[in-house]
mmCIF file of all heavy atoms, coordinates in Angstrom:
data_MODEL
# 
_entry.id   MODEL 
# 
loop_
_atom_site.group_PDB 
_atom_site.id 
_atom_site.type_symbol 
_atom_site.label_atom_id 
_atom_site.label_alt_id 
_atom_site.label_comp_id 
_atom_site.label_asym_id 
_atom_site.label_entity_id 
_atom_site.label_seq_id 
_atom_site.pdbx_PDB_ins_code 
_atom_site.Cartn_x 
_atom_site.Cartn_y 
_atom_site.Cartn_z 
_atom_site.occupancy 
_atom_site.B_iso_or_equiv 
_atom_site.pdbx_formal_charge 
_atom_site.auth_seq_id 
_atom_site.auth_comp_id 
_atom_site.auth_asym_id 
_atom_site.auth_atom_id 
_atom_site.pdbx_PDB_model_num 
ATOM 1   N N   . GLY A 1 1  ? -22.546 -9.440  -6.094  1.00 0.00 ? 1  GLY A N   1 
ATOM 2   C CA  . GLY A 1 1  ? -21.985 -10.487 -6.921  1.00 0.00 ? 1  GLY A CA  1 
ATOM 3   C C   . GLY A 1 1  ? -20.471 -10.510 -7.118  1.00 0.00 ? 1  GLY A C   1 
ATOM 4   O O   . GLY A 1 1  ? -19.960 -11.363 -7.840  1.00 0.00 ? 1  GLY A O   1 
ATOM 5   N N   . ALA A 1 2  ? -19.718 -9.596  -6.499  1.00 0.00 ? 2  ALA A N   1 
ATOM 6   C CA  . ALA A 1 2  ? -18.258 -9.577  -6.712  1.00 0.00 ? 2  ALA A CA  1 
ATOM 7   C C   . ALA A 1 2  ? -17.593 -10.659 -5.912  1.00 0.00 ? 2  ALA A C   1 
ATOM 8   O O   . ALA A 1 2  ? -17.930 -10.903 -4.733  1.00 0.00 ? 2  ALA A O   1 
ATOM 9   C CB  . ALA A 1 2  ? -17.695 -8.210  -6.323  1.00 0.00 ? 2  ALA A CB  1 
ATOM 10  N N   . ASP A 1 3  ? -16.632 -11.335 -6.522  1.00 0.00 ? 3  ASP A N   1 
ATOM 11  C CA  . ASP A 1 3  ? -15.760 -12.289 -5.821  1.00 0.00 ? 3  ASP A CA  1 
ATOM 12  C C   . ASP A 1 3  ? -14.358 -11.720 -5.574  1.00 0.00 ? 3  ASP A C   1 
ATOM 13  O O   . ASP A 1 3  ? -13.474 -12.465 -5.168  1.00 0.00 ? 3  ASP A O   1 
ATOM 14  C CB  . ASP A 1 3  ? -15.648 -13.596 -6.654  1.00 0.00 ? 3  ASP A CB  1 
ATOM 15  C CG  . ASP A 1 3  ? -16.736 -14.604 -6.309  1.00 0.00 ? 3  ASP A CG  1 
ATOM 16  O OD1 . ASP A 1 3  ? -17.593 -14.281 -5.452  1.00 0.00 ? 3  ASP A OD1 1 
ATOM 17  O OD2 . ASP A 1 3  ? -16.731 -15.699 -6.890  1.00 0.00 ? 3  ASP A OD2 1 
ATOM 18  N N   . GLY A 1 4  ? -14.167 -10.470 -5.868  1.00 0.00 ? 4  GLY A N   1 
ATOM 19  C CA  . GLY A 1 4  ? -12.877 -9.835  -5.625  1.00 0.00 ? 4  GLY A CA  1 
ATOM 20  C C   . GLY A 1 4  ? -13.022 -8.343  -5.551  1.00 0.00 ? 4  GLY A C   1 
ATOM 21  O O   . GLY A 1 4  ? -13.866 -7.739  -6.241  1.00 0.00 ? 4  GLY A O   1 
ATOM 22  N N   . ILE A 1 5  ? -12.204 -7.705  -4.706  1.00 0.00 ? 5  ILE A N   1 
ATOM 23  C CA  . ILE A 1 5  ? -12.235 -6.253  -4.477  1.00 0.00 ? 5  ILE A CA  1 
ATOM 24  C C   . ILE A 1 5  ? -10.801 -5.740  -4.598  1.00 0.00 ? 5  ILE A C   1 
ATOM 25  O O   . ILE A 1 5  ? -10.008 -5.901  -3.666  1.00 0.00 ? 5  ILE A O   1 
ATOM 26  C CB  . ILE A 1 5  ? -12.826 -5.902  -3.121  1.00 0.00 ? 5  ILE A CB  1 
ATOM 27  C CG1 . ILE A 1 5  ? -14.227 -6.482  -2.939  1.00 0.00 ? 5  ILE A CG1 1 
ATOM 28  C CG2 . ILE A 1 5  ? -12.843 -4.369  -2.937  1.00 0.00 ? 5  ILE A CG2 1 
ATOM 29  C CD1 . ILE A 1 5  ? -15.259 -5.932  -3.890  1.00 0.00 ? 5  ILE A CD1 1 
ATOM 30  N N   . LEU A 1 6  ? -10.483 -5.168  -5.729  1.00 0.00 ? 6  LEU A N   1 
ATOM 31  C CA  . LEU A 1 6  ? -9.143  -4.612  -5.943  1.00 0.00 ? 6  LEU A CA  1 
ATOM 32  C C   . LEU A 1 6  ? -9.210  -3.104  -6.077  1.00 0.00 ? 6  LEU A C   1 
ATOM 33  O O   . LEU A 1 6  ? -10.272 -2.537  -6.358  1.00 0.00 ? 6  LEU A O   1 
ATOM 34  C CB  . LEU A 1 6  ? -8.468  -5.225  -7.173  1.00 0.00 ? 6  LEU A CB  1 
ATOM 35  C CG  . LEU A 1 6  ? -7.839  -6.620  -6.976  1.00 0.00 ? 6  LEU A CG  1 
ATOM 36  C CD1 . LEU A 1 6  ? -8.905  -7.688  -6.735  1.00 0.00 ? 6  LEU A CD1 1 
ATOM 37  C CD2 . LEU A 1 6  ? -7.027  -7.039  -8.200  1.00 0.00 ? 6  LEU A CD2 1 
ATOM 38  N N   . GLN A 1 7  ? -8.057  -2.450  -5.910  1.00 0.00 ? 7  GLN A N   1 
ATOM 39  C CA  . GLN A 1 7  ? -8.023  -0.983  -5.922  1.00 0.00 ? 7  GLN A CA  1 
ATOM 40  C C   . GLN A 1 7  ? -7.024  -0.501  -6.967  1.00 0.00 ? 7  GLN A C   1 
ATOM 41  O O   . GLN A 1 7  ? -6.133  -1.193  -7.398  1.00 0.00 ? 7  GLN A O   1 
ATOM 42  C CB  . GLN A 1 7  ? -7.547  -0.422  -4.568  1.00 0.00 ? 7  GLN A CB  1 
ATOM 43  C CG  . GLN A 1 7  ? -7.752  -1.306  -3.364  1.00 0.00 ? 7  GLN A CG  1 
ATOM 44  C CD  . GLN A 1 7  ? -9.185  -1.484  -2.973  1.00 0.00 ? 7  GLN A CD  1 
ATOM 45  O OE1 . GLN A 1 7  ? -9.947  -0.524  -2.984  1.00 0.00 ? 7  GLN A OE1 1 
ATOM 46  N NE2 . GLN A 1 7  ? -9.560  -2.683  -2.569  1.00 0.00 ? 7  GLN A NE2 1 
ATOM 47  N N   . PHE A 1 8  ? -7.207  0.741   -7.375  1.00 0.00 ? 8  PHE A N   1 
ATOM 48  C CA  . PHE A 1 8  ? -6.118  1.475   -7.996  1.00 0.00 ? 8  PHE A CA  1 
ATOM 49  C C   . PHE A 1 8  ? -5.678  2.568   -7.031  1.00 0.00 ? 8  PHE A C   1 
ATOM 50  O O   . PHE A 1 8  ? -6.433  3.486   -6.747  1.00 0.00 ? 8  PHE A O   1 
ATOM 51  C CB  . PHE A 1 8  ? -6.515  2.146   -9.312  1.00 0.00 ? 8  PHE A CB  1 
ATOM 52  C CG  . PHE A 1 8  ? -5.335  2.795   -9.968  1.00 0.00 ? 8  PHE A CG  1 
ATOM 53  C CD1 . PHE A 1 8  ? -4.483  2.075   -10.784 1.00 0.00 ? 8  PHE A CD1 1 
ATOM 54  C CD2 . PHE A 1 8  ? -5.019  4.113   -9.722  1.00 0.00 ? 8  PHE A CD2 1 
ATOM 55  C CE1 . PHE A 1 8  ? -3.366  2.650   -11.342 1.00 0.00 ? 8  PHE A CE1 1 
ATOM 56  C CE2 . PHE A 1 8  ? -3.900  4.719   -10.261 1.00 0.00 ? 8  PHE A CE2 1 
ATOM 57  C CZ  . PHE A 1 8  ? -3.092  3.979   -11.073 1.00 0.00 ? 8  PHE A CZ  1 
ATOM 58  N N   . GLN A 1 9  ? -4.505  2.401   -6.554  1.00 0.00 ? 9  GLN A N   1 
ATOM 59  C CA  . GLN A 1 9  ? -3.549  1.342   -6.748  1.00 0.00 ? 9  GLN A CA  1 
ATOM 60  C C   . GLN A 1 9  ? -2.976  0.943   -5.406  1.00 0.00 ? 9  GLN A C   1 
ATOM 61  O O   . GLN A 1 9  ? -3.412  1.456   -4.370  1.00 0.00 ? 9  GLN A O   1 
ATOM 62  C CB  . GLN A 1 9  ? -2.435  1.836   -7.696  1.00 0.00 ? 9  GLN A CB  1 
ATOM 63  C CG  . GLN A 1 9  ? -1.721  3.082   -7.201  1.00 0.00 ? 9  GLN A CG  1 
ATOM 64  C CD  . GLN A 1 9  ? -0.625  3.537   -8.174  1.00 0.00 ? 9  GLN A CD  1 
ATOM 65  O OE1 . GLN A 1 9  ? 0.099   2.720   -8.738  1.00 0.00 ? 9  GLN A OE1 1 
ATOM 66  N NE2 . GLN A 1 9  ? -0.509  4.831   -8.383  1.00 0.00 ? 9  GLN A NE2 1 
ATOM 67  N N   . TRP A 1 10 ? -1.997  0.034   -5.356  1.00 0.00 ? 10 TRP A N   1 
ATOM 68  C CA  . TRP A 1 10 ? -1.443  -0.392  -4.096  1.00 0.00 ? 10 TRP A CA  1 
ATOM 69  C C   . TRP A 1 10 ? -0.729  0.753   -3.377  1.00 0.00 ? 10 TRP A C   1 
ATOM 70  O O   . TRP A 1 10 ? -1.074  1.138   -2.276  1.00 0.00 ? 10 TRP A O   1 
ATOM 71  C CB  . TRP A 1 10 ? -0.450  -1.553  -4.285  1.00 0.00 ? 10 TRP A CB  1 
ATOM 72  C CG  . TRP A 1 10 ? 0.413   -1.783  -3.083  1.00 0.00 ? 10 TRP A CG  1 
ATOM 73  C CD1 . TRP A 1 10 ? 1.752   -1.549  -2.982  1.00 0.00 ? 10 TRP A CD1 1 
ATOM 74  C CD2 . TRP A 1 10 ? 0.002   -2.272  -1.798  1.00 0.00 ? 10 TRP A CD2 1 
ATOM 75  N NE1 . TRP A 1 10 ? 2.212   -1.856  -1.723  1.00 0.00 ? 10 TRP A NE1 1 
ATOM 76  C CE2 . TRP A 1 10 ? 1.141   -2.299  -0.970  1.00 0.00 ? 10 TRP A CE2 1 
ATOM 77  C CE3 . TRP A 1 10 ? -1.195  -2.670  -1.260  1.00 0.00 ? 10 TRP A CE3 1 
ATOM 78  C CZ2 . TRP A 1 10 ? 1.098   -2.715  0.366   1.00 0.00 ? 10 TRP A CZ2 1 
ATOM 79  C CZ3 . TRP A 1 10 ? -1.264  -3.097  0.058   1.00 0.00 ? 10 TRP A CZ3 1 
ATOM 80  C CH2 . TRP A 1 10 ? -0.108  -3.111  0.871   1.00 0.00 ? 10 TRP A CH2 1 
ATOM 81  N N   . ARG A 1 11 ? 0.247   1.353   -4.015  1.00 0.00 ? 11 ARG A N   1 
ATOM 82  C CA  . ARG A 1 11 ? 1.013   2.421   -3.378  1.00 0.00 ? 11 ARG A CA  1 
ATOM 83  C C   . ARG A 1 11 ? 0.752   3.718   -4.145  1.00 0.00 ? 11 ARG A C   1 
ATOM 84  O O   . ARG A 1 11 ? 0.904   3.768   -5.364  1.00 0.00 ? 11 ARG A O   1 
ATOM 85  C CB  . ARG A 1 11 ? 2.515   2.115   -3.334  1.00 0.00 ? 11 ARG A CB  1 
ATOM 86  C CG  . ARG A 1 11 ? 3.353   3.111   -2.617  1.00 0.00 ? 11 ARG A CG  1 
ATOM 87  C CD  . ARG A 1 11 ? 4.812   2.674   -2.557  1.00 0.00 ? 11 ARG A CD  1 
ATOM 88  N NE  . ARG A 1 11 ? 5.047   1.662   -1.552  1.00 0.00 ? 11 ARG A NE  1 
ATOM 89  C CZ  . ARG A 1 11 ? 5.296   1.898   -0.259  1.00 0.00 ? 11 ARG A CZ  1 
ATOM 90  N NH1 . ARG A 1 11 ? 5.313   3.169   0.172   1.00 0.00 ? 11 ARG A NH1 1 
ATOM 91  N NH2 . ARG A 1 11 ? 5.515   0.913   0.576   1.00 0.00 ? 11 ARG A NH2 1 
ATOM 92  N N   . GLN A 1 12 ? 0.399   4.774   -3.445  1.00 0.00 ? 12 GLN A N   1 
ATOM 93  C CA  . GLN A 1 12 ? 0.104   6.055   -4.064  1.00 0.00 ? 12 GLN A CA  1 
ATOM 94  C C   . GLN A 1 12 ? 1.356   6.589   -4.779  1.00 0.00 ? 12 GLN A C   1 
ATOM 95  O O   . GLN A 1 12 ? 2.447   6.605   -4.178  1.00 0.00 ? 12 GLN A O   1 
ATOM 96  C CB  . GLN A 1 12 ? -0.382  7.077   -3.016  1.00 0.00 ? 12 GLN A CB  1 
ATOM 97  C CG  . GLN A 1 12 ? -0.880  8.391   -3.613  1.00 0.00 ? 12 GLN A CG  1 
ATOM 98  C CD  . GLN A 1 12 ? -1.545  9.270   -2.570  1.00 0.00 ? 12 GLN A CD  1 
ATOM 99  O OE1 . GLN A 1 12 ? -1.523  8.965   -1.368  1.00 0.00 ? 12 GLN A OE1 1 
ATOM 100 N NE2 . GLN A 1 12 ? -2.071  10.391  -2.987  1.00 0.00 ? 12 GLN A NE2 1 
ATOM 101 N N   . SER A 1 13 ? 1.194   7.024   -6.029  1.00 0.00 ? 13 SER A N   1 
ATOM 102 C CA  . SER A 1 13 ? 2.320   7.476   -6.810  1.00 0.00 ? 13 SER A CA  1 
ATOM 103 C C   . SER A 1 13 ? 3.011   8.711   -6.203  1.00 0.00 ? 13 SER A C   1 
ATOM 104 O O   . SER A 1 13 ? 2.324   9.580   -5.664  1.00 0.00 ? 13 SER A O   1 
ATOM 105 C CB  . SER A 1 13 ? 1.882   7.800   -8.234  1.00 0.00 ? 13 SER A CB  1 
ATOM 106 O OG  . SER A 1 13 ? 1.409   6.643   -8.895  1.00 0.00 ? 13 SER A OG  1 
ATOM 107 N N   . ARG A 1 14 ? 4.308   8.753   -6.341  1.00 0.00 ? 14 ARG A N   1 
ATOM 108 C CA  . ARG A 1 14 ? 5.085   9.915   -5.899  1.00 0.00 ? 14 ARG A CA  1 
ATOM 109 C C   . ARG A 1 14 ? 5.176   10.936  -7.001  1.00 0.00 ? 14 ARG A C   1 
ATOM 110 O O   . ARG A 1 14 ? 5.359   12.135  -6.735  1.00 0.00 ? 14 ARG A O   1 
ATOM 111 C CB  . ARG A 1 14 ? 6.480   9.501   -5.441  1.00 0.00 ? 14 ARG A CB  1 
ATOM 112 C CG  . ARG A 1 14 ? 7.277   10.624  -4.743  1.00 0.00 ? 14 ARG A CG  1 
ATOM 113 C CD  . ARG A 1 14 ? 8.556   10.085  -4.191  1.00 0.00 ? 14 ARG A CD  1 
ATOM 114 N NE  . ARG A 1 14 ? 9.508   9.680   -5.240  1.00 0.00 ? 14 ARG A NE  1 
ATOM 115 C CZ  . ARG A 1 14 ? 10.321  10.516  -5.879  1.00 0.00 ? 14 ARG A CZ  1 
ATOM 116 N NH1 . ARG A 1 14 ? 10.332  11.817  -5.571  1.00 0.00 ? 14 ARG A NH1 1 
ATOM 117 N NH2 . ARG A 1 14 ? 11.146  10.068  -6.806  1.00 0.00 ? 14 ARG A NH2 1 
ATOM 118 N N   . GLN A 1 15 ? 5.058   10.500  -8.266  1.00 0.00 ? 15 GLN A N   1 
ATOM 119 C CA  . GLN A 1 15 ? 5.205   11.394  -9.402  1.00 0.00 ? 15 GLN A CA  1 
ATOM 120 C C   . GLN A 1 15 ? 4.156   11.039  -10.480 1.00 0.00 ? 15 GLN A C   1 
ATOM 121 O O   . GLN A 1 15 ? 3.550   9.967   -10.411 1.00 0.00 ? 15 GLN A O   1 
ATOM 122 C CB  . GLN A 1 15 ? 6.594   11.283  -10.023 1.00 0.00 ? 15 GLN A CB  1 
ATOM 123 C CG  . GLN A 1 15 ? 7.736   11.718  -9.101  1.00 0.00 ? 15 GLN A CG  1 
ATOM 124 C CD  . GLN A 1 15 ? 9.097   11.427  -9.703  1.00 0.00 ? 15 GLN A CD  1 
ATOM 125 O OE1 . GLN A 1 15 ? 9.420   10.258  -9.963  1.00 0.00 ? 15 GLN A OE1 1 
ATOM 126 N NE2 . GLN A 1 15 ? 9.877   12.462  -9.903  1.00 0.00 ? 15 GLN A NE2 1 
ATOM 127 N N   . GLY A 1 16 ? 4.000   11.904  -11.443 1.00 0.00 ? 16 GLY A N   1 
ATOM 128 C CA  . GLY A 1 16 ? 3.145   11.617  -12.575 1.00 0.00 ? 16 GLY A CA  1 
ATOM 129 C C   . GLY A 1 16 ? 1.753   12.176  -12.444 1.00 0.00 ? 16 GLY A C   1 
ATOM 130 O O   . GLY A 1 16 ? 1.408   12.834  -11.459 1.00 0.00 ? 16 GLY A O   1 
ATOM 131 N N   . ALA A 1 17 ? 0.901   11.852  -13.411 1.00 0.00 ? 17 ALA A N   1 
ATOM 132 C CA  . ALA A 1 17 ? -0.426  12.438  -13.512 1.00 0.00 ? 17 ALA A CA  1 
ATOM 133 C C   . ALA A 1 17 ? -1.348  11.974  -12.412 1.00 0.00 ? 17 ALA A C   1 
ATOM 134 O O   . ALA A 1 17 ? -2.366  12.600  -12.124 1.00 0.00 ? 17 ALA A O   1 
ATOM 135 C CB  . ALA A 1 17 ? -1.060  12.084  -14.857 1.00 0.00 ? 17 ALA A CB  1 
ATOM 136 N N   . GLU A 1 18 ? -0.994  10.862  -11.713 1.00 0.00 ? 18 GLU A N   1 
ATOM 137 C CA  . GLU A 1 18 ? -1.881  10.347  -10.658 1.00 0.00 ? 18 GLU A CA  1 
ATOM 138 C C   . GLU A 1 18 ? -1.241  10.448  -9.280  1.00 0.00 ? 18 GLU A C   1 
ATOM 139 O O   . GLU A 1 18 ? -1.559  9.659   -8.374  1.00 0.00 ? 18 GLU A O   1 
ATOM 140 C CB  . GLU A 1 18 ? -2.241  8.878   -10.986 1.00 0.00 ? 18 GLU A CB  1 
ATOM 141 C CG  . GLU A 1 18 ? -3.129  8.836   -12.252 1.00 0.00 ? 18 GLU A CG  1 
ATOM 142 C CD  . GLU A 1 18 ? -3.447  7.406   -12.674 1.00 0.00 ? 18 GLU A CD  1 
ATOM 143 O OE1 . GLU A 1 18 ? -2.562  6.536   -12.703 1.00 0.00 ? 18 GLU A OE1 1 
ATOM 144 O OE2 . GLU A 1 18 ? -4.629  7.163   -13.036 1.00 0.00 ? 18 GLU A OE2 1 
ATOM 145 N N   . THR A 1 19 ? -0.386  11.461  -9.112  1.00 0.00 ? 19 THR A N   1 
ATOM 146 C CA  . THR A 1 19 ? 0.259   11.668  -7.818  1.00 0.00 ? 19 THR A CA  1 
ATOM 147 C C   . THR A 1 19 ? -0.749  11.795  -6.679  1.00 0.00 ? 19 THR A C   1 
ATOM 148 O O   . THR A 1 19 ? -0.539  11.290  -5.598  1.00 0.00 ? 19 THR A O   1 
ATOM 149 C CB  . THR A 1 19 ? 1.144   12.919  -7.876  1.00 0.00 ? 19 THR A CB  1 
ATOM 150 O OG1 . THR A 1 19 ? 2.156   12.737  -8.885  1.00 0.00 ? 19 THR A OG1 1 
ATOM 151 C CG2 . THR A 1 19 ? 1.816   13.199  -6.533  1.00 0.00 ? 19 THR A CG2 1 
ATOM 152 N N   . PHE A 1 20 ? -1.860  12.460  -6.956  1.00 0.00 ? 20 PHE A N   1 
ATOM 153 C CA  . PHE A 1 20 ? -2.814  12.732  -5.891  1.00 0.00 ? 20 PHE A CA  1 
ATOM 154 C C   . PHE A 1 20 ? -4.054  11.834  -5.977  1.00 0.00 ? 20 PHE A C   1 
ATOM 155 O O   . PHE A 1 20 ? -5.077  12.114  -5.334  1.00 0.00 ? 20 PHE A O   1 
ATOM 156 C CB  . PHE A 1 20 ? -3.210  14.215  -5.895  1.00 0.00 ? 20 PHE A CB  1 
ATOM 157 C CG  . PHE A 1 20 ? -2.004  15.111  -5.641  1.00 0.00 ? 20 PHE A CG  1 
ATOM 158 C CD1 . PHE A 1 20 ? -1.416  15.813  -6.676  1.00 0.00 ? 20 PHE A CD1 1 
ATOM 159 C CD2 . PHE A 1 20 ? -1.458  15.156  -4.376  1.00 0.00 ? 20 PHE A CD2 1 
ATOM 160 C CE1 . PHE A 1 20 ? -0.300  16.612  -6.431  1.00 0.00 ? 20 PHE A CE1 1 
ATOM 161 C CE2 . PHE A 1 20 ? -0.313  15.933  -4.129  1.00 0.00 ? 20 PHE A CE2 1 
ATOM 162 C CZ  . PHE A 1 20 ? 0.260   16.672  -5.157  1.00 0.00 ? 20 PHE A CZ  1 
ATOM 163 N N   . HIS A 1 21 ? -3.944  10.757  -6.729  1.00 0.00 ? 21 HIS A N   1 
ATOM 164 C CA  . HIS A 1 21 ? -4.950  9.719   -6.685  1.00 0.00 ? 21 HIS A CA  1 
ATOM 165 C C   . HIS A 1 21 ? -4.578  8.804   -5.520  1.00 0.00 ? 21 HIS A C   1 
ATOM 166 O O   . HIS A 1 21 ? -3.437  8.367   -5.365  1.00 0.00 ? 21 HIS A O   1 
ATOM 167 C CB  . HIS A 1 21 ? -4.937  8.911   -7.987  1.00 0.00 ? 21 HIS A CB  1 
ATOM 168 C CG  . HIS A 1 21 ? -6.075  7.955   -8.154  1.00 0.00 ? 21 HIS A CG  1 
ATOM 169 N ND1 . HIS A 1 21 ? -6.260  6.847   -7.324  1.00 0.00 ? 21 HIS A ND1 1 
ATOM 170 C CD2 . HIS A 1 21 ? -7.096  7.904   -9.043  1.00 0.00 ? 21 HIS A CD2 1 
ATOM 171 C CE1 . HIS A 1 21 ? -7.321  6.175   -7.697  1.00 0.00 ? 21 HIS A CE1 1 
ATOM 172 N NE2 . HIS A 1 21 ? -7.844  6.801   -8.763  1.00 0.00 ? 21 HIS A NE2 1 
ATOM 173 N N   . SER A 1 22 ? -5.562  8.494   -4.635  1.00 0.00 ? 22 SER A N   1 
ATOM 174 C CA  . SER A 1 22 ? -5.245  7.735   -3.441  1.00 0.00 ? 22 SER A CA  1 
ATOM 175 C C   . SER A 1 22 ? -4.741  6.345   -3.771  1.00 0.00 ? 22 SER A C   1 
ATOM 176 O O   . SER A 1 22 ? -5.027  5.787   -4.833  1.00 0.00 ? 22 SER A O   1 
ATOM 177 C CB  . SER A 1 22 ? -6.516  7.616   -2.586  1.00 0.00 ? 22 SER A CB  1 
ATOM 178 O OG  . SER A 1 22 ? -7.529  6.946   -3.277  1.00 0.00 ? 22 SER A OG  1 
ATOM 179 N N   . GLY A 1 23 ? -3.999  5.760   -2.839  1.00 0.00 ? 23 GLY A N   1 
ATOM 180 C CA  . GLY A 1 23 ? -3.511  4.381   -2.939  1.00 0.00 ? 23 GLY A CA  1 
ATOM 181 C C   . GLY A 1 23 ? -3.759  3.676   -1.626  1.00 0.00 ? 23 GLY A C   1 
ATOM 182 O O   . GLY A 1 23 ? -4.050  4.299   -0.607  1.00 0.00 ? 23 GLY A O   1 
ATOM 183 N N   . MET A 1 24 ? -3.661  2.363   -1.704  1.00 0.00 ? 24 MET A N   1 
ATOM 184 C CA  . MET A 1 24 ? -3.856  1.591   -0.466  1.00 0.00 ? 24 MET A CA  1 
ATOM 185 C C   . MET A 1 24 ? -2.785  1.959   0.563   1.00 0.00 ? 24 MET A C   1 
ATOM 186 O O   . MET A 1 24 ? -3.046  1.999   1.766   1.00 0.00 ? 24 MET A O   1 
ATOM 187 C CB  . MET A 1 24 ? -3.801  0.082   -0.776  1.00 0.00 ? 24 MET A CB  1 
ATOM 188 C CG  . MET A 1 24 ? -4.902  -0.381  -1.693  1.00 0.00 ? 24 MET A CG  1 
ATOM 189 S SD  . MET A 1 24 ? -4.763  -2.106  -2.214  1.00 0.00 ? 24 MET A SD  1 
ATOM 190 C CE  . MET A 1 24 ? -5.236  -2.972  -0.727  1.00 0.00 ? 24 MET A CE  1 
ATOM 191 N N   . VAL A 1 25 ? -1.578  2.210   0.087   1.00 0.00 ? 25 VAL A N   1 
ATOM 192 C CA  . VAL A 1 25 ? -0.516  2.778   0.920   1.00 0.00 ? 25 VAL A CA  1 
ATOM 193 C C   . VAL A 1 25 ? -0.412  4.234   0.549   1.00 0.00 ? 25 VAL A C   1 
ATOM 194 O O   . VAL A 1 25 ? 0.162   4.571   -0.490  1.00 0.00 ? 25 VAL A O   1 
ATOM 195 C CB  . VAL A 1 25 ? 0.826   2.037   0.714   1.00 0.00 ? 25 VAL A CB  1 
ATOM 196 C CG1 . VAL A 1 25 ? 1.879   2.657   1.643   1.00 0.00 ? 25 VAL A CG1 1 
ATOM 197 C CG2 . VAL A 1 25 ? 0.696   0.544   0.939   1.00 0.00 ? 25 VAL A CG2 1 
ATOM 198 N N   . PRO A 1 26 ? -0.936  5.143   1.353   1.00 0.00 ? 26 PRO A N   1 
ATOM 199 C CA  . PRO A 1 26 ? -0.910  6.561   0.986   1.00 0.00 ? 26 PRO A CA  1 
ATOM 200 C C   . PRO A 1 26 ? 0.458   7.176   1.189   1.00 0.00 ? 26 PRO A C   1 
ATOM 201 O O   . PRO A 1 26 ? 1.367   6.525   1.726   1.00 0.00 ? 26 PRO A O   1 
ATOM 202 C CB  . PRO A 1 26 ? -1.974  7.186   1.908   1.00 0.00 ? 26 PRO A CB  1 
ATOM 203 C CG  . PRO A 1 26 ? -2.103  6.228   3.046   1.00 0.00 ? 26 PRO A CG  1 
ATOM 204 C CD  . PRO A 1 26 ? -1.669  4.882   2.576   1.00 0.00 ? 26 PRO A CD  1 
ATOM 205 N N   . HIS A 1 27 ? 0.613   8.434   0.770   1.00 0.00 ? 27 HIS A N   1 
ATOM 206 C CA  . HIS A 1 27 ? 1.890   9.127   0.964   1.00 0.00 ? 27 HIS A CA  1 
ATOM 207 C C   . HIS A 1 27 ? 2.310   9.107   2.413   1.00 0.00 ? 27 HIS A C   1 
ATOM 208 O O   . HIS A 1 27 ? 3.507   9.046   2.725   1.00 0.00 ? 27 HIS A O   1 
ATOM 209 C CB  . HIS A 1 27 ? 1.782   10.578  0.457   1.00 0.00 ? 27 HIS A CB  1 
ATOM 210 C CG  . HIS A 1 27 ? 1.670   10.690  -1.017  1.00 0.00 ? 27 HIS A CG  1 
ATOM 211 N ND1 . HIS A 1 27 ? 1.048   11.756  -1.652  1.00 0.00 ? 27 HIS A ND1 1 
ATOM 212 C CD2 . HIS A 1 27 ? 2.094   9.868   -2.039  1.00 0.00 ? 27 HIS A CD2 1 
ATOM 213 C CE1 . HIS A 1 27 ? 1.126   11.585  -2.974  1.00 0.00 ? 27 HIS A CE1 1 
ATOM 214 N NE2 . HIS A 1 27 ? 1.737   10.460  -3.224  1.00 0.00 ? 27 HIS A NE2 1 
ATOM 215 N N   . ALA A 1 28 ? 1.361   9.161   3.327   1.00 0.00 ? 28 ALA A N   1 
ATOM 216 C CA  . ALA A 1 28 ? 1.674   9.186   4.748   1.00 0.00 ? 28 ALA A CA  1 
ATOM 217 C C   . ALA A 1 28 ? 1.979   7.779   5.304   1.00 0.00 ? 28 ALA A C   1 
ATOM 218 O O   . ALA A 1 28 ? 2.339   7.655   6.486   1.00 0.00 ? 28 ALA A O   1 
ATOM 219 C CB  . ALA A 1 28 ? 0.544   9.799   5.542   1.00 0.00 ? 28 ALA A CB  1 
# 
């Protein structure tokens, strides 16, 4: 039933508590 698929987050953080949470644009 979803009409949209979004992520957290677009670009993986370089700093902060979510540095190692994946992003659509990873560190690499």
